[in-house]
Amino acid sequence: MTTGVAPRQEFVYLGTRITVYGANKGEGLPEHSHPFDHAASCQVGSCVIRVNKTEFVLTPNSRPVVLPALIPHEIEALENGTVFTNILPR
């Protein structure tokens, strides 16, 4: 079970909301959904995104993952010091 974390930084740029999270192993965003598509990426460490019983492991070398609207998903850090970002419509 993923332990929730609060955003480390959040800002709006050109109509897009950028939310940056810092998490240790087992922390992240428990299962949730949004009424809009959004993307997630990993800047430091590694994390797993779980959606539709599928897991995507992200590292700084990974391409961002687009998460469709209304589909439950979660993001969990796989190591201490992980930093991941959500890119959402404002």
PDB file of N, CA and C in Angstrom:
ATOM      1  N   MET A   1       0.841  -1.185   0.000  1.00  0.00           N
ATOM      2  CA  MET A   1       0.000   0.000   0.000  1.00  0.00           C
ATOM      3  C   MET A   1       0.889   1.252   0.000  1.00  0.00           C
ATOM      4  N   THR A   2       0.613   2.167  -0.892  1.00  0.00           N
ATOM      5  CA  THR A   2       1.393   3.385  -1.038  1.00  0.00           C
ATOM      6  C   THR A   2       0.989   4.410   0.018  1.00  0.00           C
ATOM      7  N   THR A   3       1.976   4.984   0.702  1.00  0.00           N
ATOM      8  CA  THR A   3       1.740   6.048   1.682  1.00  0.00           C
ATOM      9  C   THR A   3       1.757   7.380   0.951  1.00  0.00           C
ATOM     10  N   GLY A   4       0.712   8.180   1.120  1.00  0.00           N
ATOM     11  CA  GLY A   4       0.594   9.449   0.396  1.00  0.00           C
ATOM     12  C   GLY A   4       1.609  10.489   0.815  1.00  0.00           C
ATOM     13  N   VAL A   5       2.027  11.311  -0.142  1.00  0.00           N
ATOM     14  CA  VAL A   5       2.926  12.436   0.120  1.00  0.00           C
ATOM     15  C   VAL A   5       2.317  13.708  -0.467  1.00  0.00           C
ATOM     16  N   ALA A   6       2.669  14.821   0.128  1.00  0.00           N
ATOM     17  CA  ALA A   6       2.232  16.127  -0.366  1.00  0.00           C
ATOM     18  C   ALA A   6       3.215  16.624  -1.421  1.00  0.00           C
ATOM     19  N   PRO A   7       2.759  17.484  -2.318  1.00  0.00           N
ATOM     20  CA  PRO A   7       3.680  18.045  -3.314  1.00  0.00           C
ATOM     21  C   PRO A   7       4.818  18.811  -2.655  1.00  0.00           C
ATOM     22  N   ARG A   8       5.993  18.693  -3.224  1.00  0.00           N
ATOM     23  CA  ARG A   8       7.147  19.476  -2.786  1.00  0.00           C
ATOM     24  C   ARG A   8       7.075  20.877  -3.401  1.00  0.00           C
ATOM     25  N   GLN A   9       6.561  20.930  -4.627  1.00  0.00           N
ATOM     26  CA  GLN A   9       6.441  22.198  -5.343  1.00  0.00           C
ATOM     27  C   GLN A   9       5.302  22.070  -6.344  1.00  0.00           C
ATOM     28  N   GLU A  10       4.557  23.165  -6.530  1.00  0.00           N
ATOM     29  CA  GLU A  10       3.453  23.164  -7.485  1.00  0.00           C
ATOM     30  C   GLU A  10       3.347  24.555  -8.084  1.00  0.00           C
ATOM     31  N   PHE A  11       3.230  24.603  -9.424  1.00  0.00           N
ATOM     32  CA  PHE A  11       3.104  25.894 -10.082  1.00  0.00           C
ATOM     33  C   PHE A  11       2.385  25.733 -11.409  1.00  0.00           C
ATOM     34  N   VAL A  12       1.881  26.845 -11.929  1.00  0.00           N
ATOM     35  CA  VAL A  12       1.209  26.852 -13.228  1.00  0.00           C
ATOM     36  C   VAL A  12       2.090  27.623 -14.199  1.00  0.00           C
ATOM     37  N   TYR A  13       2.300  27.036 -15.376  1.00  0.00           N
ATOM     38  CA  TYR A  13       3.096  27.673 -16.417  1.00  0.00           C
ATOM     39  C   TYR A  13       2.369  27.508 -17.742  1.00  0.00           C
ATOM     40  N   LEU A  14       2.038  28.612 -18.380  1.00  0.00           N
ATOM     41  CA  LEU A  14       1.362  28.616 -19.673  1.00  0.00           C
ATOM     42  C   LEU A  14       0.132  27.707 -19.690  1.00  0.00           C
ATOM     43  N   GLY A  15      -0.643  27.766 -18.623  1.00  0.00           N
ATOM     44  CA  GLY A  15      -1.884  27.011 -18.555  1.00  0.00           C
ATOM     45  C   GLY A  15      -1.735  25.556 -18.173  1.00  0.00           C
ATOM     46  N   THR A  16      -0.540  25.139 -17.804  1.00  0.00           N
ATOM     47  CA  THR A  16      -0.290  23.761 -17.394  1.00  0.00           C
ATOM     48  C   THR A  16       0.166  23.745 -15.940  1.00  0.00           C
ATOM     49  N   ARG A  17      -0.411  22.853 -15.145  1.00  0.00           N
ATOM     50  CA  ARG A  17      -0.020  22.741 -13.742  1.00  0.00           C
ATOM     51  C   ARG A  17       1.066  21.682 -13.621  1.00  0.00           C
ATOM     52  N   ILE A  18       2.168  22.039 -13.005  1.00  0.00           N
ATOM     53  CA  ILE A  18       3.289  21.144 -12.768  1.00  0.00           C
ATOM     54  C   ILE A  18       3.348  20.870 -11.269  1.00  0.00           C
ATOM     55  N   THR A  19       3.299  19.600 -10.894  1.00  0.00           N
ATOM     56  CA  THR A  19       3.356  19.223  -9.485  1.00  0.00           C
ATOM     57  C   THR A  19       4.549  18.295  -9.287  1.00  0.00           C
ATOM     58  N   VAL A  20       5.473  18.698  -8.410  1.00  0.00           N
ATOM     59  CA  VAL A  20       6.701  17.949  -8.157  1.00  0.00           C
ATOM     60  C   VAL A  20       6.598  17.298  -6.777  1.00  0.00           C
ATOM     61  N   TYR A  21       6.877  16.004  -6.722  1.00  0.00           N
ATOM     62  CA  TYR A  21       6.805  15.247  -5.474  1.00  0.00           C
ATOM     63  C   TYR A  21       8.181  14.681  -5.128  1.00  0.00           C
ATOM     64  N   GLY A  22       8.501  14.673  -3.849  1.00  0.00           N
ATOM     65  CA  GLY A  22       9.671  13.983  -3.326  1.00  0.00           C
ATOM     66  C   GLY A  22       9.168  12.849  -2.463  1.00  0.00           C
ATOM     67  N   ALA A  23       9.691  11.644  -2.664  1.00  0.00           N
ATOM     68  CA  ALA A  23       9.174  10.487  -1.940  1.00  0.00           C
ATOM     69  C   ALA A  23      10.283   9.493  -1.632  1.00  0.00           C
ATOM     70  N   ASN A  24      10.106   8.804  -0.530  1.00  0.00           N
ATOM     71  CA  ASN A  24      10.983   7.691  -0.191  1.00  0.00           C
ATOM     72  C   ASN A  24      10.285   6.390  -0.564  1.00  0.00           C
ATOM     73  N   LYS A  25      11.026   5.291  -0.519  1.00  0.00           N
ATOM     74  CA  LYS A  25      10.490   3.983  -0.906  1.00  0.00           C
ATOM     75  C   LYS A  25       9.146   3.731  -0.221  1.00  0.00           C
ATOM     76  N   GLY A  26       8.133   3.356  -1.028  1.00  0.00           N
ATOM     77  CA  GLY A  26       6.802   3.060  -0.508  1.00  0.00           C
ATOM     78  C   GLY A  26       5.876   4.258  -0.424  1.00  0.00           C
ATOM     79  N   GLU A  27       6.411   5.455  -0.651  1.00  0.00           N
ATOM     80  CA  GLU A  27       5.592   6.668  -0.625  1.00  0.00           C
ATOM     81  C   GLU A  27       5.222   7.076  -2.048  1.00  0.00           C
ATOM     82  N   GLY A  28       4.181   7.889  -2.163  1.00  0.00           N
ATOM     83  CA  GLY A  28       3.773   8.393  -3.471  1.00  0.00           C
ATOM     84  C   GLY A  28       2.341   8.856  -3.447  1.00  0.00           C
ATOM     85  N   LEU A  29       1.592   8.477  -4.465  1.00  0.00           N
ATOM     86  CA  LEU A  29       0.194   8.871  -4.586  1.00  0.00           C
ATOM     87  C   LEU A  29      -0.660   7.603  -4.641  1.00  0.00           C
ATOM     88  N   PRO A  30      -1.428   7.314  -3.573  1.00  0.00           N
ATOM     89  CA  PRO A  30      -2.296   6.138  -3.585  1.00  0.00           C
ATOM     90  C   PRO A  30      -3.286   6.209  -4.744  1.00  0.00           C
ATOM     91  N   GLU A  31      -3.911   5.088  -5.037  1.00  0.00           N
ATOM     92  CA  GLU A  31      -4.822   5.012  -6.182  1.00  0.00           C
ATOM     93  C   GLU A  31      -5.841   6.150  -6.187  1.00  0.00           C
ATOM     94  N   HIS A  32      -5.975   6.771  -7.350  1.00  0.00           N
ATOM     95  CA  HIS A  32      -6.887   7.899  -7.556  1.00  0.00           C
ATOM     96  C   HIS A  32      -7.134   8.040  -9.053  1.00  0.00           C
ATOM     97  N   SER A  33      -8.015   8.933  -9.436  1.00  0.00           N
ATOM     98  CA  SER A  33      -8.250   9.218 -10.853  1.00  0.00           C
ATOM     99  C   SER A  33      -8.550  10.697 -11.010  1.00  0.00           C
ATOM    100  N   HIS A  34      -8.546  11.150 -12.253  1.00  0.00           N
ATOM    101  CA  HIS A  34      -8.799  12.551 -12.598  1.00  0.00           C
ATOM    102  C   HIS A  34      -9.807  12.603 -13.745  1.00  0.00           C
ATOM    103  N   PRO A  35     -10.509  13.710 -13.895  1.00  0.00           N
ATOM    104  CA  PRO A  35     -11.437  13.843 -15.024  1.00  0.00           C
ATOM    105  C   PRO A  35     -10.732  14.311 -16.303  1.00  0.00           C
ATOM    106  N   PHE A  36      -9.403  14.226 -16.343  1.00  0.00           N
ATOM    107  CA  PHE A  36      -8.618  14.699 -17.488  1.00  0.00           C
ATOM    108  C   PHE A  36      -7.388  13.810 -17.654  1.00  0.00           C
ATOM    109  N   ASP A  37      -6.840  13.772 -18.872  1.00  0.00           N
ATOM    110  CA  ASP A  37      -5.565  13.097 -19.115  1.00  0.00           C
ATOM    111  C   ASP A  37      -4.452  13.898 -18.448  1.00  0.00           C
ATOM    112  N   HIS A  38      -3.382  13.226 -18.054  1.00  0.00           N
ATOM    113  CA  HIS A  38      -2.192  13.934 -17.591  1.00  0.00           C
ATOM    114  C   HIS A  38      -0.980  13.028 -17.782  1.00  0.00           C
ATOM    115  N   ALA A  39       0.200  13.602 -17.609  1.00  0.00           N
ATOM    116  CA  ALA A  39       1.440  12.852 -17.794  1.00  0.00           C
ATOM    117  C   ALA A  39       2.213  12.809 -16.484  1.00  0.00           C
ATOM    118  N   ALA A  40       3.022  11.774 -16.327  1.00  0.00           N
ATOM    119  CA  ALA A  40       3.889  11.630 -15.162  1.00  0.00           C
ATOM    120  C   ALA A  40       5.289  11.279 -15.644  1.00  0.00           C
ATOM    121  N   SER A  41       6.297  11.808 -14.942  1.00  0.00           N
ATOM    122  CA  SER A  41       7.679  11.498 -15.278  1.00  0.00           C
ATOM    123  C   SER A  41       8.491  11.417 -13.988  1.00  0.00           C
ATOM    124  N   CYS A  42       9.663  10.808 -14.078  1.00  0.00           N
ATOM    125  CA  CYS A  42      10.547  10.638 -12.926  1.00  0.00           C
ATOM    126  C   CYS A  42      11.852  11.379 -13.205  1.00  0.00           C
ATOM    127  N   GLN A  43      12.273  12.226 -12.267  1.00  0.00           N
ATOM    128  CA  GLN A  43      13.500  12.993 -12.436  1.00  0.00           C
ATOM    129  C   GLN A  43      14.680  12.415 -11.671  1.00  0.00           C
ATOM    130  N   VAL A  44      14.415  11.795 -10.506  1.00  0.00           N
ATOM    131  CA  VAL A  44      15.478  11.235  -9.663  1.00  0.00           C
ATOM    132  C   VAL A  44      14.978   9.913  -9.098  1.00  0.00           C
ATOM    133  N   GLY A  45      15.842   8.916  -9.050  1.00  0.00           N
ATOM    134  CA  GLY A  45      15.454   7.630  -8.468  1.00  0.00           C
ATOM    135  C   GLY A  45      14.612   6.823  -9.429  1.00  0.00           C
ATOM    136  N   SER A  46      13.604   6.134  -8.874  1.00  0.00           N
ATOM    137  CA  SER A  46      12.708   5.335  -9.712  1.00  0.00           C
ATOM    138  C   SER A  46      11.359   5.209  -9.027  1.00  0.00           C
ATOM    139  N   CYS A  47      10.327   5.043  -9.844  1.00  0.00           N
ATOM    140  CA  CYS A  47       8.986   4.866  -9.306  1.00  0.00           C
ATOM    141  C   CYS A  47       8.206   3.936 -10.226  1.00  0.00           C
ATOM    142  N   VAL A  48       7.123   3.410  -9.685  1.00  0.00           N
ATOM    143  CA  VAL A  48       6.254   2.535 -10.470  1.00  0.00           C
ATOM    144  C   VAL A  48       4.888   3.202 -10.561  1.00  0.00           C
ATOM    145  N   ILE A  49       4.314   3.140 -11.751  1.00  0.00           N
ATOM    146  CA  ILE A  49       2.939   3.591 -11.957  1.00  0.00           C
ATOM    147  C   ILE A  49       2.112   2.344 -12.202  1.00  0.00           C
ATOM    148  N   ARG A  50       1.050   2.211 -11.449  1.00  0.00           N
ATOM    149  CA  ARG A  50       0.143   1.074 -11.615  1.00  0.00           C
ATOM    150  C   ARG A  50      -1.173   1.580 -12.183  1.00  0.00           C
ATOM    151  N   VAL A  51      -1.567   0.997 -13.330  1.00  0.00           N
ATOM    152  CA  VAL A  51      -2.812   1.374 -13.991  1.00  0.00           C
ATOM    153  C   VAL A  51      -3.364   0.151 -14.715  1.00  0.00           C
ATOM    154  N   ASN A  52      -4.631  -0.140 -14.524  1.00  0.00           N
ATOM    155  CA  ASN A  52      -5.267  -1.291 -15.177  1.00  0.00           C
ATOM    156  C   ASN A  52      -4.478  -2.585 -14.989  1.00  0.00           C
ATOM    157  N   LYS A  53      -4.019  -2.837 -13.772  1.00  0.00           N
ATOM    158  CA  LYS A  53      -3.264  -4.053 -13.433  1.00  0.00           C
ATOM    159  C   LYS A  53      -1.952  -4.175 -14.200  1.00  0.00           C
ATOM    160  N   THR A  54      -1.473  -3.065 -14.748  1.00  0.00           N
ATOM    161  CA  THR A  54      -0.193  -3.018 -15.451  1.00  0.00           C
ATOM    162  C   THR A  54       0.733  -2.087 -14.680  1.00  0.00           C
ATOM    163  N   GLU A  55       2.009  -2.438 -14.616  1.00  0.00           N
ATOM    164  CA  GLU A  55       2.997  -1.605 -13.940  1.00  0.00           C
ATOM    165  C   GLU A  55       3.988  -1.040 -14.945  1.00  0.00           C
ATOM    166  N   PHE A  56       4.290   0.241 -14.796  1.00  0.00           N
ATOM    167  CA  PHE A  56       5.306   0.919 -15.597  1.00  0.00           C
ATOM    168  C   PHE A  56       6.360   1.440 -14.638  1.00  0.00           C
ATOM    169  N   VAL A  57       7.596   1.019 -14.777  1.00  0.00           N
ATOM    170  CA  VAL A  57       8.681   1.538 -13.946  1.00  0.00           C
ATOM    171  C   VAL A  57       9.301   2.723 -14.675  1.00  0.00           C
ATOM    172  N   LEU A  58       9.391   3.841 -13.967  1.00  0.00           N
ATOM    173  CA  LEU A  58       9.979   5.054 -14.536  1.00  0.00           C
ATOM    174  C   LEU A  58      11.296   5.376 -13.847  1.00  0.00           C
ATOM    175  N   THR A  59      12.260   5.816 -14.628  1.00  0.00           N
ATOM    176  CA  THR A  59      13.538   6.324 -14.144  1.00  0.00           C
ATOM    177  C   THR A  59      13.778   7.652 -14.859  1.00  0.00           C
ATOM    178  N   PRO A  60      14.850   8.359 -14.524  1.00  0.00           N
ATOM    179  CA  PRO A  60      15.127   9.606 -15.247  1.00  0.00           C
ATOM    180  C   PRO A  60      15.334   9.410 -16.750  1.00  0.00           C
ATOM    181  N   ASN A  61      15.638   8.199 -17.185  1.00  0.00           N
ATOM    182  CA  ASN A  61      15.831   7.921 -18.616  1.00  0.00           C
ATOM    183  C   ASN A  61      14.551   7.534 -19.337  1.00  0.00           C
ATOM    184  N   SER A  62      13.451   7.397 -18.594  1.00  0.00           N
ATOM    185  CA  SER A  62      12.176   6.978 -19.191  1.00  0.00           C
ATOM    186  C   SER A  62      11.448   8.150 -19.822  1.00  0.00           C
ATOM    187  N   ARG A  63      10.649   7.825 -20.815  1.00  0.00           N
ATOM    188  CA  ARG A  63       9.736   8.820 -21.385  1.00  0.00           C
ATOM    189  C   ARG A  63       8.576   8.992 -20.417  1.00  0.00           C
ATOM    190  N   PRO A  64       7.952  10.170 -20.386  1.00  0.00           N
ATOM    191  CA  PRO A  64       6.773  10.353 -19.542  1.00  0.00           C
ATOM    192  C   PRO A  64       5.663   9.373 -19.941  1.00  0.00           C
ATOM    193  N   VAL A  65       4.846   9.009 -18.971  1.00  0.00           N
ATOM    194  CA  VAL A  65       3.701   8.131 -19.202  1.00  0.00           C
ATOM    195  C   VAL A  65       2.448   8.991 -19.196  1.00  0.00           C
ATOM    196  N   VAL A  66       1.608   8.836 -20.214  1.00  0.00           N
ATOM    197  CA  VAL A  66       0.333   9.555 -20.270  1.00  0.00           C
ATOM    198  C   VAL A  66      -0.727   8.684 -19.613  1.00  0.00           C
ATOM    199  N   LEU A  67      -1.420   9.262 -18.640  1.00  0.00           N
ATOM    200  CA  LEU A  67      -2.462   8.558 -17.898  1.00  0.00           C
ATOM    201  C   LEU A  67      -3.814   9.079 -18.354  1.00  0.00           C
ATOM    202  N   PRO A  68      -4.672   8.201 -18.873  1.00  0.00           N
ATOM    203  CA  PRO A  68      -5.964   8.634 -19.406  1.00  0.00           C
ATOM    204  C   PRO A  68      -6.931   9.089 -18.310  1.00  0.00           C
ATOM    205  N   ALA A  69      -7.833   9.962 -18.696  1.00  0.00           N
ATOM    206  CA  ALA A  69      -8.870  10.464 -17.788  1.00  0.00           C
ATOM    207  C   ALA A  69      -9.704   9.306 -17.244  1.00  0.00           C
ATOM    208  N   LEU A  70     -10.102   9.454 -15.995  1.00  0.00           N
ATOM    209  CA  LEU A  70     -11.052   8.573 -15.311  1.00  0.00           C
ATOM    210  C   LEU A  70     -10.538   7.158 -15.033  1.00  0.00           C
ATOM    211  N   ILE A  71      -9.296   6.865 -15.334  1.00  0.00           N
ATOM    212  CA  ILE A  71      -8.731   5.544 -15.090  1.00  0.00           C
ATOM    213  C   ILE A  71      -7.950   5.582 -13.768  1.00  0.00           C
ATOM    214  N   PRO A  72      -8.325   4.766 -12.783  1.00  0.00           N
ATOM    215  CA  PRO A  72      -7.593   4.748 -11.514  1.00  0.00           C
ATOM    216  C   PRO A  72      -6.125   4.364 -11.723  1.00  0.00           C
ATOM    217  N   HIS A  73      -5.244   5.040 -11.001  1.00  0.00           N
ATOM    218  CA  HIS A  73      -3.812   4.782 -11.087  1.00  0.00           C
ATOM    219  C   HIS A  73      -3.150   5.184  -9.776  1.00  0.00           C
ATOM    220  N   GLU A  74      -1.930   4.707  -9.564  1.00  0.00           N
ATOM    221  CA  GLU A  74      -1.148   5.120  -8.404  1.00  0.00           C
ATOM    222  C   GLU A  74       0.312   5.216  -8.806  1.00  0.00           C
ATOM    223  N   ILE A  75       1.062   6.012  -8.052  1.00  0.00           N
ATOM    224  CA  ILE A  75       2.494   6.187  -8.295  1.00  0.00           C
ATOM    225  C   ILE A  75       3.204   5.927  -6.974  1.00  0.00           C
ATOM    226  N   GLU A  76       4.204   5.039  -6.987  1.00  0.00           N
ATOM    227  CA  GLU A  76       4.930   4.683  -5.765  1.00  0.00           C
ATOM    228  C   GLU A  76       6.434   4.747  -6.007  1.00  0.00           C
ATOM    229  N   ALA A  77       7.158   5.408  -5.110  1.00  0.00           N
ATOM    230  CA  ALA A  77       8.616   5.459  -5.184  1.00  0.00           C
ATOM    231  C   ALA A  77       9.194   4.079  -4.891  1.00  0.00           C
ATOM    232  N   LEU A  78      10.190   3.690  -5.664  1.00  0.00           N
ATOM    233  CA  LEU A  78      10.856   2.403  -5.469  1.00  0.00           C
ATOM    234  C   LEU A  78      12.151   2.534  -4.683  1.00  0.00           C
ATOM    235  N   GLU A  79      12.583   3.785  -4.460  1.00  0.00           N
ATOM    236  CA  GLU A  79      13.803   4.003  -3.681  1.00  0.00           C
ATOM    237  C   GLU A  79      13.727   5.353  -2.977  1.00  0.00           C
ATOM    238  N   ASN A  80      14.495   5.483  -1.929  1.00  0.00           N
ATOM    239  CA  ASN A  80      14.525   6.735  -1.183  1.00  0.00           C
ATOM    240  C   ASN A  80      15.064   7.864  -2.058  1.00  0.00           C
ATOM    241  N   GLY A  81      14.541   9.065  -1.844  1.00  0.00           N
ATOM    242  CA  GLY A  81      15.007  10.239  -2.585  1.00  0.00           C
ATOM    243  C   GLY A  81      14.450  10.368  -3.982  1.00  0.00           C
ATOM    244  N   THR A  82      13.399   9.630  -4.305  1.00  0.00           N
ATOM    245  CA  THR A  82      12.798   9.697  -5.643  1.00  0.00           C
ATOM    246  C   THR A  82      12.070  11.032  -5.822  1.00  0.00           C
ATOM    247  N   VAL A  83      12.187  11.604  -7.000  1.00  0.00           N
ATOM    248  CA  VAL A  83      11.461  12.823  -7.369  1.00  0.00           C
ATOM    249  C   VAL A  83      10.693  12.517  -8.656  1.00  0.00           C
ATOM    250  N   PHE A  84       9.369  12.741  -8.613  1.00  0.00           N
ATOM    251  CA  PHE A  84       8.551  12.548  -9.807  1.00  0.00           C
ATOM    252  C   PHE A  84       7.632  13.741  -9.986  1.00  0.00           C
ATOM    253  N   THR A  85       7.165  13.915 -11.215  1.00  0.00           N
ATOM    254  CA  THR A  85       6.383  15.087 -11.579  1.00  0.00           C
ATOM    255  C   THR A  85       5.109  14.661 -12.303  1.00  0.00           C
ATOM    256  N   ASN A  86       4.026  15.345 -11.970  1.00  0.00           N
ATOM    257  CA  ASN A  86       2.777  15.216 -12.723  1.00  0.00           C
ATOM    258  C   ASN A  86       2.570  16.491 -13.529  1.00  0.00           C
ATOM    259  N   ILE A  87       2.162  16.362 -14.774  1.00  0.00           N
ATOM    260  CA  ILE A  87       1.899  17.491 -15.651  1.00  0.00           C
ATOM    261  C   ILE A  87       0.411  17.413 -16.011  1.00  0.00           C
ATOM    262  N   LEU A  88      -0.351  18.414 -15.559  1.00  0.00           N
ATOM    263  CA  LEU A  88      -1.811  18.370 -15.669  1.00  0.00           C
ATOM    264  C   LEU A  88      -2.354  19.652 -16.289  1.00  0.00           C
ATOM    265  N   PRO A  89      -3.546  19.579 -16.884  1.00  0.00           N
ATOM    266  CA  PRO A  89      -4.179  20.822 -17.322  1.00  0.00           C
ATOM    267  C   PRO A  89      -4.553  21.639 -16.096  1.00  0.00           C
ATOM    268  N   ARG A  90      -4.543  22.927 -16.247  1.00  0.00           N
ATOM    269  CA  ARG A  90      -4.840  23.819 -15.122  1.00  0.00           C
ATOM    270  C   ARG A  90      -6.250  23.622 -14.707  1.00  0.00           C
TER     271      ARG A  90
END
